[in-house]
Amino acid sequence: MRIIDYVLITEYLVSIVCSLYIIIAHASYFKERFAKGAVSLFMLAMLFFLCAYTIKMVTAVWIRVGSAAGDTTAITIETYTWTIAQAGTTLGLFILAILTFTKRYDLFIKLRKFDKQVEES
């Protein structure tokens, strides 16, 4: 392996750790919001983006280690995984860009109907 392989793998691993930390740190928010039946679209897009990004970075490590080791047998699976993760990353970024452009950070997705008692409160 060349020095660039070590640098890239290190950067990818730091990215994975950071994105996993952010996902875990916001887990209580999502648990609470899913239980209440409504979640912020901005936060949901962030979660979607971070999950796809994490898969993408794991795939990047997989590709980098495989190519540095001279393994070319799994390139097809790695490419499909990368493509699916890139689609998720792009969709998450697209939603975040639209929300940022419209300055509509307060949009919520209603996951289920609220009880009448909750709505009357």
Protein backbone atom coordinates (compact mmCIF):
# COMPACT_ATOMS: atom_id res chain seq x y z
CA MET A 1 0.00 0.00 0.00
CA ARG A 2 1.14 3.50 -0.80
CA ILE A 3 1.07 6.45 1.58
CA ILE A 4 -1.99 7.88 -0.19
CA ASP A 5 -3.88 4.67 0.65
CA TYR A 6 -3.12 5.11 4.34
CA VAL A 7 -4.13 8.77 4.25
CA LEU A 8 -7.42 8.05 2.47
CA ILE A 9 -8.30 5.10 4.70
CA THR A 10 -7.59 7.25 7.78
CA GLU A 11 -9.77 10.08 6.44
CA TYR A 12 -12.57 7.63 5.58
CA LEU A 13 -12.43 6.06 9.03
CA VAL A 14 -12.58 9.47 10.74
CA SER A 15 -15.60 10.32 8.55
CA ILE A 16 -17.30 7.06 9.53
CA VAL A 17 -16.71 7.66 13.24
CA CYS A 18 -17.98 11.25 13.03
CA SER A 19 -21.12 10.35 11.10
CA LEU A 20 -21.89 7.45 13.45
CA TYR A 21 -21.40 9.76 16.43
CA ILE A 22 -23.86 12.29 14.99
CA ILE A 23 -26.43 9.57 14.27
CA ILE A 24 -26.10 8.12 17.78
CA ALA A 25 -26.15 11.56 19.41
CA HIS A 26 -29.48 12.35 17.72
CA ALA A 27 -31.02 8.93 18.37
CA SER A 28 -32.98 10.18 21.38
CA TYR A 29 -34.51 12.97 19.27
CA PHE A 30 -35.66 10.51 16.62
CA LYS A 31 -36.97 8.05 19.20
CA GLU A 32 -39.02 10.81 20.83
CA ARG A 33 -40.27 12.27 17.54
CA PHE A 34 -41.19 8.87 16.06
CA ALA A 35 -43.08 8.04 19.27
CA LYS A 36 -45.02 11.31 18.95
CA GLY A 37 -45.74 10.60 15.30
CA ALA A 38 -44.13 13.64 13.69
CA VAL A 39 -40.54 14.38 12.80
CA SER A 40 -38.77 17.41 11.36
CA LEU A 41 -38.17 16.98 7.64
CA PHE A 42 -34.81 18.70 8.01
CA MET A 43 -33.67 16.28 10.72
CA LEU A 44 -35.05 13.30 8.79
CA ALA A 45 -33.14 14.38 5.69
CA MET A 46 -30.01 14.78 7.82
CA LEU A 47 -30.44 11.25 9.20
CA PHE A 48 -31.04 9.86 5.71
CA PHE A 49 -27.96 11.64 4.38
CA LEU A 50 -25.73 10.53 7.25
CA CYS A 51 -26.80 6.89 7.01
CA ALA A 52 -26.16 6.84 3.25
CA TYR A 53 -22.87 8.70 3.75
CA THR A 54 -21.72 6.19 6.36
CA ILE A 55 -22.46 3.28 3.99
CA LYS A 56 -20.62 5.16 1.27
CA MET A 57 -17.54 5.65 3.45
CA VAL A 58 -17.52 2.00 4.55
CA THR A 59 -17.66 1.09 0.86
CA ALA A 60 -14.81 3.53 0.15
CA VAL A 61 -12.65 1.79 2.75
CA TRP A 62 -13.63 -1.56 1.26
CA ILE A 63 -12.70 -0.38 -2.26
CA ARG A 64 -9.42 1.24 -1.13
CA VAL A 65 -8.26 -1.77 0.90
CA GLY A 66 -9.29 -4.15 -1.89
CA SER A 67 -7.55 -2.18 -4.62
CA ALA A 68 -4.41 -1.68 -2.53
CA ALA A 69 -4.31 -5.43 -1.91
CA GLY A 70 -4.78 -6.11 -5.63
CA ASP A 71 -8.21 -7.73 -5.22
CA THR A 72 -10.46 -7.06 -8.23
CA THR A 73 -13.10 -9.75 -7.68
CA ALA A 74 -15.49 -7.68 -5.56
CA ILE A 75 -15.38 -4.52 -7.68
CA THR A 76 -18.89 -5.11 -9.09
CA ILE A 77 -20.50 -5.44 -5.65
CA GLU A 78 -18.54 -2.45 -4.38
CA THR A 79 -19.65 -0.37 -7.37
CA TYR A 80 -23.34 -1.21 -6.87
CA THR A 81 -23.08 -0.50 -3.14
CA TRP A 82 -21.38 2.82 -3.88
CA THR A 83 -24.08 3.72 -6.45
CA ILE A 84 -26.93 2.99 -4.04
CA ALA A 85 -25.23 4.93 -1.24
CA GLN A 86 -24.54 7.83 -3.61
CA ALA A 87 -28.23 7.92 -4.58
CA GLY A 88 -29.17 8.16 -0.89
CA THR A 89 -26.56 10.83 -0.25
CA THR A 90 -27.74 12.84 -3.26
CA LEU A 91 -31.40 12.59 -2.24
CA GLY A 92 -30.60 13.68 1.32
CA LEU A 93 -28.54 16.62 0.07
CA PHE A 94 -31.27 17.56 -2.42
CA ILE A 95 -33.91 17.68 0.33
CA LEU A 96 -31.59 19.69 2.60
CA ALA A 97 -30.84 22.11 -0.25
CA ILE A 98 -34.54 22.65 -0.97
CA LEU A 99 -35.28 23.25 2.71
CA THR A 100 -32.35 25.64 2.96
CA PHE A 101 -33.35 27.51 -0.21
CA THR A 102 -36.96 27.90 0.94
CA LYS A 103 -35.86 28.55 4.55
CA ARG A 104 -38.50 26.04 5.67
CA TYR A 105 -36.65 24.39 8.52
CA ASP A 106 -39.87 23.94 10.49
CA LEU A 107 -41.60 21.43 8.19
CA PHE A 108 -42.69 18.23 9.91
CA ILE A 109 -43.73 14.90 8.47
CA LYS A 110 -46.79 13.42 10.13
CA LEU A 111 -46.10 9.72 10.61
CA ARG A 112 -49.46 8.81 12.10
CA LYS A 113 -52.66 10.51 13.13
CA PHE A 114 -52.60 12.15 16.53
CA ASP A 115 -55.23 11.32 19.12
CA LYS A 116 -57.97 13.92 19.38
CA GLN A 117 -56.90 14.56 22.98
CA VAL A 118 -53.41 15.48 21.83
CA GLU A 119 -54.74 17.75 19.06
CA GLU A 120 -57.10 19.55 21.47
CA SER A 121 -54.31 20.27 23.95
